[in-house]
Amino acid sequence: MTTAFDRLGYGTYKLADGEECVSGVAHAIETGYRHVDTAQGYENEASVSAGIDDTDVDREDLFVATKLSTDNLSYDDATATARVSRDRLGVDSIDLLYVHWPIN
C-alpha cells in the first residue's frame, strides 16, 4: 500500500550521533517513512544505521541517501569516503549519493 510517507524523506540534520537519532529514524520508519536522508557532515550515519536496524522493515524497502562533504569532492576522496559512509550506514549500496552544499 502506498502512503503519503512513501513520497517524503526523513532528514536527520541536527540529530546528533546517539540514541535520539536512532529512535527518531526507527520511529519515522515505523510510522511509514521509507526515505532516510543523512550526510557525512552530520556525523550520525552509524546511528541512522542503528535506527534502520531497530525496525522490521526490509532494507530493500527503504531509500537511503547521504551527502558528500565538500572537502571530499575529488574522485579518490569521493569514492573512498562513499565506501566509508556505506559501511557506517550498514548497507550494501547507497541509493542516492550527492554533494552537500555544492560549490562553484
PDB file of N, CA and C in Angstrom:
ATOM      1  N   MET A   1       0.835  -1.168   0.000  1.00  0.00           N
ATOM      2  CA  MET A   1       0.000   0.000   0.000  1.00  0.00           C
ATOM      3  C   MET A   1       0.890   1.245   0.000  1.00  0.00           C
ATOM      4  N   THR A   2       0.622   2.173  -0.873  1.00  0.00           N
ATOM      5  CA  THR A   2       1.358   3.417  -0.947  1.00  0.00           C
ATOM      6  C   THR A   2       0.730   4.447  -0.021  1.00  0.00           C
ATOM      7  N   THR A   3       1.570   5.157   0.721  1.00  0.00           N
ATOM      8  CA  THR A   3       1.092   6.208   1.620  1.00  0.00           C
ATOM      9  C   THR A   3       1.789   7.514   1.270  1.00  0.00           C
ATOM     10  N   ALA A   4       1.333   8.591   1.869  1.00  0.00           N
ATOM     11  CA  ALA A   4       1.984   9.888   1.668  1.00  0.00           C
ATOM     12  C   ALA A   4       3.434   9.847   2.132  1.00  0.00           C
ATOM     13  N   PHE A   5       3.728   9.017   3.127  1.00  0.00           N
ATOM     14  CA  PHE A   5       5.091   8.929   3.637  1.00  0.00           C
ATOM     15  C   PHE A   5       6.058   8.339   2.623  1.00  0.00           C
ATOM     16  N   ASP A   6       5.566   7.567   1.659  1.00  0.00           N
ATOM     17  CA  ASP A   6       6.436   6.997   0.635  1.00  0.00           C
ATOM     18  C   ASP A   6       7.091   8.088  -0.202  1.00  0.00           C
ATOM     19  N   ARG A   7       6.480   9.261  -0.240  1.00  0.00           N
ATOM     20  CA  ARG A   7       6.996  10.355  -1.042  1.00  0.00           C
ATOM     21  C   ARG A   7       7.806  11.357  -0.220  1.00  0.00           C
ATOM     22  N   LEU A   8       7.855  11.174   1.081  1.00  0.00           N
ATOM     23  CA  LEU A   8       8.553  12.085   1.969  1.00  0.00           C
ATOM     24  C   LEU A   8       9.826  11.450   2.496  1.00  0.00           C
ATOM     25  N   GLY A   9      10.823  12.282   2.728  1.00  0.00           N
ATOM     26  CA  GLY A   9      12.057  11.793   3.310  1.00  0.00           C
ATOM     27  C   GLY A   9      12.214  12.282   4.738  1.00  0.00           C
ATOM     28  N   TYR A  10      12.785  11.444   5.574  1.00  0.00           N
ATOM     29  CA  TYR A  10      13.063  11.818   6.951  1.00  0.00           C
ATOM     30  C   TYR A  10      14.502  12.311   7.015  1.00  0.00           C
ATOM     31  N   GLY A  11      14.681  13.603   7.261  1.00  0.00           N
ATOM     32  CA  GLY A  11      16.003  14.198   7.352  1.00  0.00           C
ATOM     33  C   GLY A  11      16.565  14.081   8.750  1.00  0.00           C
ATOM     34  N   THR A  12      17.860  13.874   8.835  1.00  0.00           N
ATOM     35  CA  THR A  12      18.497  13.658  10.135  1.00  0.00           C
ATOM     36  C   THR A  12      19.445  14.787  10.531  1.00  0.00           C
ATOM     37  N   TYR A  13      19.324  15.943   9.866  1.00  0.00           N
ATOM     38  CA  TYR A  13      20.148  17.097  10.220  1.00  0.00           C
ATOM     39  C   TYR A  13      19.873  17.492  11.662  1.00  0.00           C
ATOM     40  N   LYS A  14      20.924  17.767  12.388  1.00  0.00           N
ATOM     41  CA  LYS A  14      20.887  18.163  13.804  1.00  0.00           C
ATOM     42  C   LYS A  14      20.477  17.034  14.743  1.00  0.00           C
ATOM     43  N   LEU A  15      20.368  15.810  14.235  1.00  0.00           N
ATOM     44  CA  LEU A  15      20.179  14.658  15.120  1.00  0.00           C
ATOM     45  C   LEU A  15      21.571  14.103  15.403  1.00  0.00           C
ATOM     46  N   ALA A  16      22.099  14.462  16.533  1.00  0.00           N
ATOM     47  CA  ALA A  16      23.454  14.054  16.880  1.00  0.00           C
ATOM     48  C   ALA A  16      23.565  12.534  16.911  1.00  0.00           C
ATOM     49  N   ASP A  17      24.777  12.066  16.658  1.00  0.00           N
ATOM     50  CA  ASP A  17      25.044  10.637  16.729  1.00  0.00           C
ATOM     51  C   ASP A  17      24.669  10.160  18.129  1.00  0.00           C
ATOM     52  N   GLY A  18      23.742   9.238  18.209  1.00  0.00           N
ATOM     53  CA  GLY A  18      23.329   8.728  19.510  1.00  0.00           C
ATOM     54  C   GLY A  18      21.882   8.288  19.516  1.00  0.00           C
ATOM     55  N   GLU A  19      21.363   8.066  20.708  1.00  0.00           N
ATOM     56  CA  GLU A  19      20.036   7.477  20.885  1.00  0.00           C
ATOM     57  C   GLU A  19      18.910   8.313  20.290  1.00  0.00           C
ATOM     58  N   GLU A  20      19.021   9.644  20.347  1.00  0.00           N
ATOM     59  CA  GLU A  20      17.969  10.476  19.761  1.00  0.00           C
ATOM     60  C   GLU A  20      17.841  10.212  18.260  1.00  0.00           C
ATOM     61  N   CYS A  21      18.953  10.069  17.590  1.00  0.00           N
ATOM     62  CA  CYS A  21      18.937   9.782  16.153  1.00  0.00           C
ATOM     63  C   CYS A  21      18.411   8.372  15.902  1.00  0.00           C
ATOM     64  N   VAL A  22      18.900   7.406  16.653  1.00  0.00           N
ATOM     65  CA  VAL A  22      18.460   6.017  16.488  1.00  0.00           C
ATOM     66  C   VAL A  22      16.946   5.922  16.632  1.00  0.00           C
ATOM     67  N   SER A  23      16.409   6.475  17.720  1.00  0.00           N
ATOM     68  CA  SER A  23      14.973   6.364  17.960  1.00  0.00           C
ATOM     69  C   SER A  23      14.168   7.194  16.957  1.00  0.00           C
ATOM     70  N   GLY A  24      14.688   8.341  16.538  1.00  0.00           N
ATOM     71  CA  GLY A  24      13.990   9.152  15.547  1.00  0.00           C
ATOM     72  C   GLY A  24      13.863   8.450  14.211  1.00  0.00           C
ATOM     73  N   VAL A  25      14.953   7.849  13.751  1.00  0.00           N
ATOM     74  CA  VAL A  25      14.927   7.112  12.482  1.00  0.00           C
ATOM     75  C   VAL A  25      13.992   5.914  12.599  1.00  0.00           C
ATOM     76  N   ALA A  26      14.108   5.170  13.673  1.00  0.00           N
ATOM     77  CA  ALA A  26      13.251   3.998  13.852  1.00  0.00           C
ATOM     78  C   ALA A  26      11.777   4.400  13.883  1.00  0.00           C
ATOM     79  N   HIS A  27      11.458   5.463  14.602  1.00  0.00           N
ATOM     80  CA  HIS A  27      10.065   5.915  14.695  1.00  0.00           C
ATOM     81  C   HIS A  27       9.556   6.362  13.322  1.00  0.00           C
ATOM     82  N   ALA A  28      10.368   7.099  12.591  1.00  0.00           N
ATOM     83  CA  ALA A  28       9.948   7.545  11.259  1.00  0.00           C
ATOM     84  C   ALA A  28       9.638   6.349  10.358  1.00  0.00           C
ATOM     85  N   ILE A  29      10.495   5.356  10.375  1.00  0.00           N
ATOM     86  CA  ILE A  29      10.284   4.168   9.537  1.00  0.00           C
ATOM     87  C   ILE A  29       9.043   3.408  10.002  1.00  0.00           C
ATOM     88  N   GLU A  30       8.893   3.263  11.303  1.00  0.00           N
ATOM     89  CA  GLU A  30       7.731   2.544  11.834  1.00  0.00           C
ATOM     90  C   GLU A  30       6.419   3.237  11.497  1.00  0.00           C
ATOM     91  N   THR A  31       6.441   4.566  11.343  1.00  0.00           N
ATOM     92  CA  THR A  31       5.218   5.294  11.010  1.00  0.00           C
ATOM     93  C   THR A  31       4.984   5.406   9.515  1.00  0.00           C
ATOM     94  N   GLY A  32       5.909   4.864   8.708  1.00  0.00           N
ATOM     95  CA  GLY A  32       5.665   4.806   7.280  1.00  0.00           C
ATOM     96  C   GLY A  32       6.673   5.475   6.370  1.00  0.00           C
ATOM     97  N   TYR A  33       7.585   6.261   6.920  1.00  0.00           N
ATOM     98  CA  TYR A  33       8.619   6.862   6.066  1.00  0.00           C
ATOM     99  C   TYR A  33       9.472   5.754   5.450  1.00  0.00           C
ATOM    100  N   ARG A  34       9.841   5.926   4.194  1.00  0.00           N
ATOM    101  CA  ARG A  34      10.688   4.946   3.525  1.00  0.00           C
ATOM    102  C   ARG A  34      11.936   5.565   2.911  1.00  0.00           C
ATOM    103  N   HIS A  35      12.112   6.870   3.099  1.00  0.00           N
ATOM    104  CA  HIS A  35      13.293   7.583   2.616  1.00  0.00           C
ATOM    105  C   HIS A  35      13.960   8.214   3.831  1.00  0.00           C
ATOM    106  N   VAL A  36      15.243   7.894   4.026  1.00  0.00           N
ATOM    107  CA  VAL A  36      16.011   8.457   5.133  1.00  0.00           C
ATOM    108  C   VAL A  36      17.203   9.183   4.541  1.00  0.00           C
ATOM    109  N   ASP A  37      17.402  10.426   4.976  1.00  0.00           N
ATOM    110  CA  ASP A  37      18.460  11.269   4.439  1.00  0.00           C
ATOM    111  C   ASP A  37      19.430  11.675   5.544  1.00  0.00           C
ATOM    112  N   THR A  38      20.713  11.524   5.272  1.00  0.00           N
ATOM    113  CA  THR A  38      21.759  11.925   6.203  1.00  0.00           C
ATOM    114  C   THR A  38      22.895  12.552   5.403  1.00  0.00           C
ATOM    115  N   ALA A  39      24.029  12.777   6.052  1.00  0.00           N
ATOM    116  CA  ALA A  39      25.193  13.364   5.384  1.00  0.00           C
ATOM    117  C   ALA A  39      26.442  13.028   6.180  1.00  0.00           C
ATOM    118  N   GLN A  40      27.565  12.970   5.469  1.00  0.00           N
ATOM    119  CA  GLN A  40      28.830  12.737   6.160  1.00  0.00           C
ATOM    120  C   GLN A  40      29.056  13.788   7.238  1.00  0.00           C
ATOM    121  N   GLY A  41      28.713  15.015   6.943  1.00  0.00           N
ATOM    122  CA  GLY A  41      28.930  16.113   7.871  1.00  0.00           C
ATOM    123  C   GLY A  41      28.046  16.087   9.107  1.00  0.00           C
ATOM    124  N   TYR A  42      26.970  15.323   9.073  1.00  0.00           N
ATOM    125  CA  TYR A  42      26.104  15.226  10.252  1.00  0.00           C
ATOM    126  C   TYR A  42      26.721  14.326  11.322  1.00  0.00           C
ATOM    127  N   GLU A  43      27.657  13.495  10.899  1.00  0.00           N
ATOM    128  CA  GLU A  43      28.353  12.562  11.794  1.00  0.00           C
ATOM    129  C   GLU A  43      27.383  11.663  12.545  1.00  0.00           C
ATOM    130  N   ASN A  44      26.323  11.215  11.855  1.00  0.00           N
ATOM    131  CA  ASN A  44      25.332  10.349  12.503  1.00  0.00           C
ATOM    132  C   ASN A  44      24.974   9.128  11.650  1.00  0.00           C
ATOM    133  N   GLU A  45      25.782   8.832  10.645  1.00  0.00           N
ATOM    134  CA  GLU A  45      25.459   7.708   9.761  1.00  0.00           C
ATOM    135  C   GLU A  45      25.360   6.383  10.524  1.00  0.00           C
ATOM    136  N   ALA A  46      26.210   6.163  11.508  1.00  0.00           N
ATOM    137  CA  ALA A  46      26.136   4.917  12.290  1.00  0.00           C
ATOM    138  C   ALA A  46      24.832   4.846  13.083  1.00  0.00           C
ATOM    139  N   SER A  47      24.376   5.973  13.609  1.00  0.00           N
ATOM    140  CA  SER A  47      23.113   5.992  14.344  1.00  0.00           C
ATOM    141  C   SER A  47      21.924   5.815  13.411  1.00  0.00           C
ATOM    142  N   VAL A  48      22.022   6.358  12.202  1.00  0.00           N
ATOM    143  CA  VAL A  48      20.971   6.121  11.205  1.00  0.00           C
ATOM    144  C   VAL A  48      20.878   4.625  10.932  1.00  0.00           C
ATOM    145  N   SER A  49      22.027   3.985  10.772  1.00  0.00           N
ATOM    146  CA  SER A  49      22.056   2.533  10.552  1.00  0.00           C
ATOM    147  C   SER A  49      21.396   1.781  11.707  1.00  0.00           C
ATOM    148  N   ALA A  50      21.720   2.178  12.926  1.00  0.00           N
ATOM    149  CA  ALA A  50      21.122   1.514  14.092  1.00  0.00           C
ATOM    150  C   ALA A  50      19.612   1.721  14.126  1.00  0.00           C
ATOM    151  N   GLY A  51      19.155   2.900  13.745  1.00  0.00           N
ATOM    152  CA  GLY A  51      17.717   3.154  13.689  1.00  0.00           C
ATOM    153  C   GLY A  51      17.026   2.276  12.667  1.00  0.00           C
ATOM    154  N   ILE A  52      17.658   2.115  11.509  1.00  0.00           N
ATOM    155  CA  ILE A  52      17.114   1.214  10.486  1.00  0.00           C
ATOM    156  C   ILE A  52      17.053  -0.209  11.025  1.00  0.00           C
ATOM    157  N   ASP A  53      18.131  -0.622  11.693  1.00  0.00           N
ATOM    158  CA  ASP A  53      18.193  -1.986  12.232  1.00  0.00           C
ATOM    159  C   ASP A  53      17.166  -2.239  13.323  1.00  0.00           C
ATOM    160  N   ASP A  54      16.708  -1.195  14.002  1.00  0.00           N
ATOM    161  CA  ASP A  54      15.726  -1.340  15.082  1.00  0.00           C
ATOM    162  C   ASP A  54      14.301  -1.543  14.567  1.00  0.00           C
ATOM    163  N   THR A  55      14.122  -1.606  13.255  1.00  0.00           N
ATOM    164  CA  THR A  55      12.785  -1.789  12.689  1.00  0.00           C
ATOM    165  C   THR A  55      12.681  -3.159  12.028  1.00  0.00           C
ATOM    166  N   ASP A  56      11.456  -3.534  11.705  1.00  0.00           N
ATOM    167  CA  ASP A  56      11.216  -4.796  10.997  1.00  0.00           C
ATOM    168  C   ASP A  56      11.103  -4.591   9.493  1.00  0.00           C
ATOM    169  N   VAL A  57      11.374  -3.370   9.016  1.00  0.00           N
ATOM    170  CA  VAL A  57      11.252  -3.062   7.592  1.00  0.00           C
ATOM    171  C   VAL A  57      12.501  -3.554   6.872  1.00  0.00           C
ATOM    172  N   ASP A  58      12.291  -4.253   5.770  1.00  0.00           N
ATOM    173  CA  ASP A  58      13.415  -4.743   4.980  1.00  0.00           C
ATOM    174  C   ASP A  58      14.180  -3.586   4.362  1.00  0.00           C
ATOM    175  N   ARG A  59      15.496  -3.691   4.342  1.00  0.00           N
ATOM    176  CA  ARG A  59      16.352  -2.654   3.769  1.00  0.00           C
ATOM    177  C   ARG A  59      15.956  -2.350   2.326  1.00  0.00           C
ATOM    178  N   GLU A  60      15.541  -3.369   1.589  1.00  0.00           N
ATOM    179  CA  GLU A  60      15.162  -3.194   0.185  1.00  0.00           C
ATOM    180  C   GLU A  60      13.946  -2.278   0.031  1.00  0.00           C
ATOM    181  N   ASP A  61      13.187  -2.101   1.093  1.00  0.00           N
ATOM    182  CA  ASP A  61      12.004  -1.245   1.054  1.00  0.00           C
ATOM    183  C   ASP A  61      12.311   0.209   1.413  1.00  0.00           C
ATOM    184  N   LEU A  62      13.581   0.489   1.727  1.00  0.00           N
ATOM    185  CA  LEU A  62      13.978   1.834   2.124  1.00  0.00           C
ATOM    186  C   LEU A  62      14.839   2.483   1.045  1.00  0.00           C
ATOM    187  N   PHE A  63      14.801   3.810   1.020  1.00  0.00           N
ATOM    188  CA  PHE A  63      15.643   4.611   0.136  1.00  0.00           C
ATOM    189  C   PHE A  63      16.552   5.413   1.051  1.00  0.00           C
ATOM    190  N   VAL A  64      17.852   5.095   1.030  1.00  0.00           N
ATOM    191  CA  VAL A  64      18.814   5.732   1.927  1.00  0.00           C
ATOM    192  C   VAL A  64      19.711   6.662   1.123  1.00  0.00           C
ATOM    193  N   ALA A  65      19.733   7.922   1.546  1.00  0.00           N
ATOM    194  CA  ALA A  65      20.543   8.937   0.877  1.00  0.00           C
ATOM    195  C   ALA A  65      21.540   9.524   1.865  1.00  0.00           C
ATOM    196  N   THR A  66      22.727   9.843   1.367  1.00  0.00           N
ATOM    197  CA  THR A  66      23.707  10.579   2.153  1.00  0.00           C
ATOM    198  C   THR A  66      24.434  11.538   1.225  1.00  0.00           C
ATOM    199  N   LYS A  67      25.074  12.516   1.832  1.00  0.00           N
ATOM    200  CA  LYS A  67      25.722  13.568   1.058  1.00  0.00           C
ATOM    201  C   LYS A  67      27.225  13.583   1.330  1.00  0.00           C
ATOM    202  N   LEU A  68      27.985  13.836   0.270  1.00  0.00           N
ATOM    203  CA  LEU A  68      29.427  14.009   0.403  1.00  0.00           C
ATOM    204  C   LEU A  68      29.718  15.369   1.016  1.00  0.00           C
ATOM    205  N   SER A  69      30.689  15.418   1.901  1.00  0.00           N
ATOM    206  CA  SER A  69      31.168  16.699   2.399  1.00  0.00           C
ATOM    207  C   SER A  69      31.917  17.408   1.279  1.00  0.00           C
ATOM    208  N   THR A  70      31.892  18.723   1.285  1.00  0.00           N
ATOM    209  CA  THR A  70      32.516  19.464   0.183  1.00  0.00           C
ATOM    210  C   THR A  70      34.028  19.302   0.138  1.00  0.00           C
ATOM    211  N   ASP A  71      34.653  18.825   1.195  1.00  0.00           N
ATOM    212  CA  ASP A  71      36.089  18.567   1.141  1.00  0.00           C
ATOM    213  C   ASP A  71      36.399  17.157   0.631  1.00  0.00           C
ATOM    214  N   ASN A  72      35.369  16.428   0.186  1.00  0.00           N
ATOM    215  CA  ASN A  72      35.544  15.076  -0.352  1.00  0.00           C
ATOM    216  C   ASN A  72      35.083  14.985  -1.810  1.00  0.00           C
ATOM    217  N   LEU A  73      35.378  15.995  -2.611  1.00  0.00           N
ATOM    218  CA  LEU A  73      34.836  16.029  -3.967  1.00  0.00           C
ATOM    219  C   LEU A  73      35.779  15.532  -5.050  1.00  0.00           C
ATOM    220  N   SER A  74      37.039  15.328  -4.754  1.00  0.00           N
ATOM    221  CA  SER A  74      37.906  14.736  -5.776  1.00  0.00           C
ATOM    222  C   SER A  74      37.459  13.293  -5.991  1.00  0.00           C
ATOM    223  N   TYR A  75      37.788  12.735  -7.142  1.00  0.00           N
ATOM    224  CA  TYR A  75      37.357  11.367  -7.455  1.00  0.00           C
ATOM    225  C   TYR A  75      37.783  10.399  -6.355  1.00  0.00           C
ATOM    226  N   ASP A  76      39.059  10.444  -5.987  1.00  0.00           N
ATOM    227  CA  ASP A  76      39.564   9.499  -4.985  1.00  0.00           C
ATOM    228  C   ASP A  76      38.899   9.695  -3.629  1.00  0.00           C
ATOM    229  N   ASP A  77      38.735  10.958  -3.212  1.00  0.00           N
ATOM    230  CA  ASP A  77      38.083  11.225  -1.932  1.00  0.00           C
ATOM    231  C   ASP A  77      36.611  10.804  -1.962  1.00  0.00           C
ATOM    232  N   ALA A  78      35.939  11.110  -3.058  1.00  0.00           N
ATOM    233  CA  ALA A  78      34.512  10.766  -3.165  1.00  0.00           C
ATOM    234  C   ALA A  78      34.308   9.261  -3.087  1.00  0.00           C
ATOM    235  N   THR A  79      35.097   8.507  -3.843  1.00  0.00           N
ATOM    236  CA  THR A  79      34.910   7.052  -3.827  1.00  0.00           C
ATOM    237  C   THR A  79      35.303   6.449  -2.485  1.00  0.00           C
ATOM    238  N   ALA A  80      36.395   6.926  -1.908  1.00  0.00           N
ATOM    239  CA  ALA A  80      36.835   6.372  -0.618  1.00  0.00           C
ATOM    240  C   ALA A  80      35.841   6.699   0.494  1.00  0.00           C
ATOM    241  N   THR A  81      35.410   7.953   0.574  1.00  0.00           N
ATOM    242  CA  THR A  81      34.507   8.319   1.666  1.00  0.00           C
ATOM    243  C   THR A  81      33.098   7.773   1.444  1.00  0.00           C
ATOM    244  N   ALA A  82      32.704   7.559   0.195  1.00  0.00           N
ATOM    245  CA  ALA A  82      31.405   6.924  -0.066  1.00  0.00           C
ATOM    246  C   ALA A  82      31.408   5.494   0.466  1.00  0.00           C
ATOM    247  N   ARG A  83      32.524   4.812   0.309  1.00  0.00           N
ATOM    248  CA  ARG A  83      32.624   3.449   0.856  1.00  0.00           C
ATOM    249  C   ARG A  83      32.541   3.468   2.386  1.00  0.00           C
ATOM    250  N   VAL A  84      33.192   4.449   3.000  1.00  0.00           N
ATOM    251  CA  VAL A  84      33.129   4.577   4.461  1.00  0.00           C
ATOM    252  C   VAL A  84      31.692   4.865   4.894  1.00  0.00           C
ATOM    253  N   SER A  85      31.014   5.771   4.185  1.00  0.00           N
ATOM    254  CA  SER A  85      29.610   6.063   4.509  1.00  0.00           C
ATOM    255  C   SER A  85      28.744   4.824   4.354  1.00  0.00           C
ATOM    256  N   ARG A  86      28.950   4.083   3.270  1.00  0.00           N
ATOM    257  CA  ARG A  86      28.189   2.846   3.044  1.00  0.00           C
ATOM    258  C   ARG A  86      28.368   1.889   4.217  1.00  0.00           C
ATOM    259  N   ASP A  87      29.608   1.744   4.671  1.00  0.00           N
ATOM    260  CA  ASP A  87      29.873   0.842   5.787  1.00  0.00           C
ATOM    261  C   ASP A  87      29.249   1.355   7.085  1.00  0.00           C
ATOM    262  N   ARG A  88      29.347   2.664   7.334  1.00  0.00           N
ATOM    263  CA  ARG A  88      28.732   3.227   8.542  1.00  0.00           C
ATOM    264  C   ARG A  88      27.218   3.060   8.510  1.00  0.00           C
ATOM    265  N   LEU A  89      26.635   3.185   7.312  1.00  0.00           N
ATOM    266  CA  LEU A  89      25.183   3.040   7.172  1.00  0.00           C
ATOM    267  C   LEU A  89      24.747   1.578   7.195  1.00  0.00           C
ATOM    268  N   GLY A  90      25.687   0.666   7.090  1.00  0.00           N
ATOM    269  CA  GLY A  90      25.368  -0.754   7.163  1.00  0.00           C
ATOM    270  C   GLY A  90      24.548  -1.253   5.992  1.00  0.00           C
ATOM    271  N   VAL A  91      24.789  -0.671   4.813  1.00  0.00           N
ATOM    272  CA  VAL A  91      24.032  -1.036   3.620  1.00  0.00           C
ATOM    273  C   VAL A  91      24.975  -1.589   2.559  1.00  0.00           C
ATOM    274  N   ASP A  92      24.416  -2.344   1.622  1.00  0.00           N
ATOM    275  CA  ASP A  92      25.216  -2.838   0.508  1.00  0.00           C
ATOM    276  C   ASP A  92      25.487  -1.739  -0.508  1.00  0.00           C
ATOM    277  N   SER A  93      24.530  -0.815  -0.612  1.00  0.00           N
ATOM    278  CA  SER A  93      24.701   0.317  -1.521  1.00  0.00           C
ATOM    279  C   SER A  93      23.903   1.499  -0.998  1.00  0.00           C
ATOM    280  N   ILE A  94      24.350   2.685  -1.375  1.00  0.00           N
ATOM    281  CA  ILE A  94      23.647   3.918  -1.043  1.00  0.00           C
ATOM    282  C   ILE A  94      22.739   4.230  -2.222  1.00  0.00           C
ATOM    283  N   ASP A  95      21.471   4.500  -1.953  1.00  0.00           N
ATOM    284  CA  ASP A  95      20.516   4.746  -3.034  1.00  0.00           C
ATOM    285  C   ASP A  95      20.740   6.087  -3.715  1.00  0.00           C
ATOM    286  N   LEU A  96      21.148   7.090  -2.962  1.00  0.00           N
ATOM    287  CA  LEU A  96      21.433   8.409  -3.528  1.00  0.00           C
ATOM    288  C   LEU A  96      22.620   8.999  -2.789  1.00  0.00           C
ATOM    289  N   LEU A  97      23.666   9.313  -3.542  1.00  0.00           N
ATOM    290  CA  LEU A  97      24.852   9.967  -3.004  1.00  0.00           C
ATOM    291  C   LEU A  97      24.995  11.274  -3.758  1.00  0.00           C
ATOM    292  N   TYR A  98      24.955  12.380  -3.033  1.00  0.00           N
ATOM    293  CA  TYR A  98      25.063  13.662  -3.702  1.00  0.00           C
ATOM    294  C   TYR A  98      25.908  14.625  -2.880  1.00  0.00           C
ATOM    295  N   VAL A  99      26.226  15.764  -3.468  1.00  0.00           N
ATOM    296  CA  VAL A  99      27.117  16.729  -2.835  1.00  0.00           C
ATOM    297  C   VAL A  99      26.319  17.627  -1.898  1.00  0.00           C
ATOM    298  N   HIS A 100      26.843  17.782  -0.710  1.00  0.00           N
ATOM    299  CA  HIS A 100      26.237  18.655   0.272  1.00  0.00           C
ATOM    300  C   HIS A 100      26.757  20.064   0.061  1.00  0.00           C
ATOM    301  N   TRP A 101      25.874  20.987  -0.173  1.00  0.00           N
ATOM    302  CA  TRP A 101      26.228  22.379  -0.429  1.00  0.00           C
ATOM    303  C   TRP A 101      27.242  22.491  -1.559  1.00  0.00           C
ATOM    304  N   PRO A 102      26.839  22.139  -2.793  1.00  0.00           N
ATOM    305  CA  PRO A 102      27.772  22.251  -3.923  1.00  0.00           C
ATOM    306  C   PRO A 102      28.348  23.662  -4.026  1.00  0.00           C
ATOM    307  N   ILE A 103      29.610  23.707  -4.403  1.00  0.00           N
ATOM    308  CA  ILE A 103      30.296  24.991  -4.548  1.00  0.00           C
ATOM    309  C   ILE A 103      30.784  25.140  -5.979  1.00  0.00           C
ATOM    310  N   ASN A 104      30.948  26.375  -6.420  1.00  0.00           N
ATOM    311  CA  ASN A 104      31.458  26.634  -7.784  1.00  0.00           C
ATOM    312  C   ASN A 104      32.961  26.645  -7.800  1.00  0.00           C
TER     313      ASN A 104
END
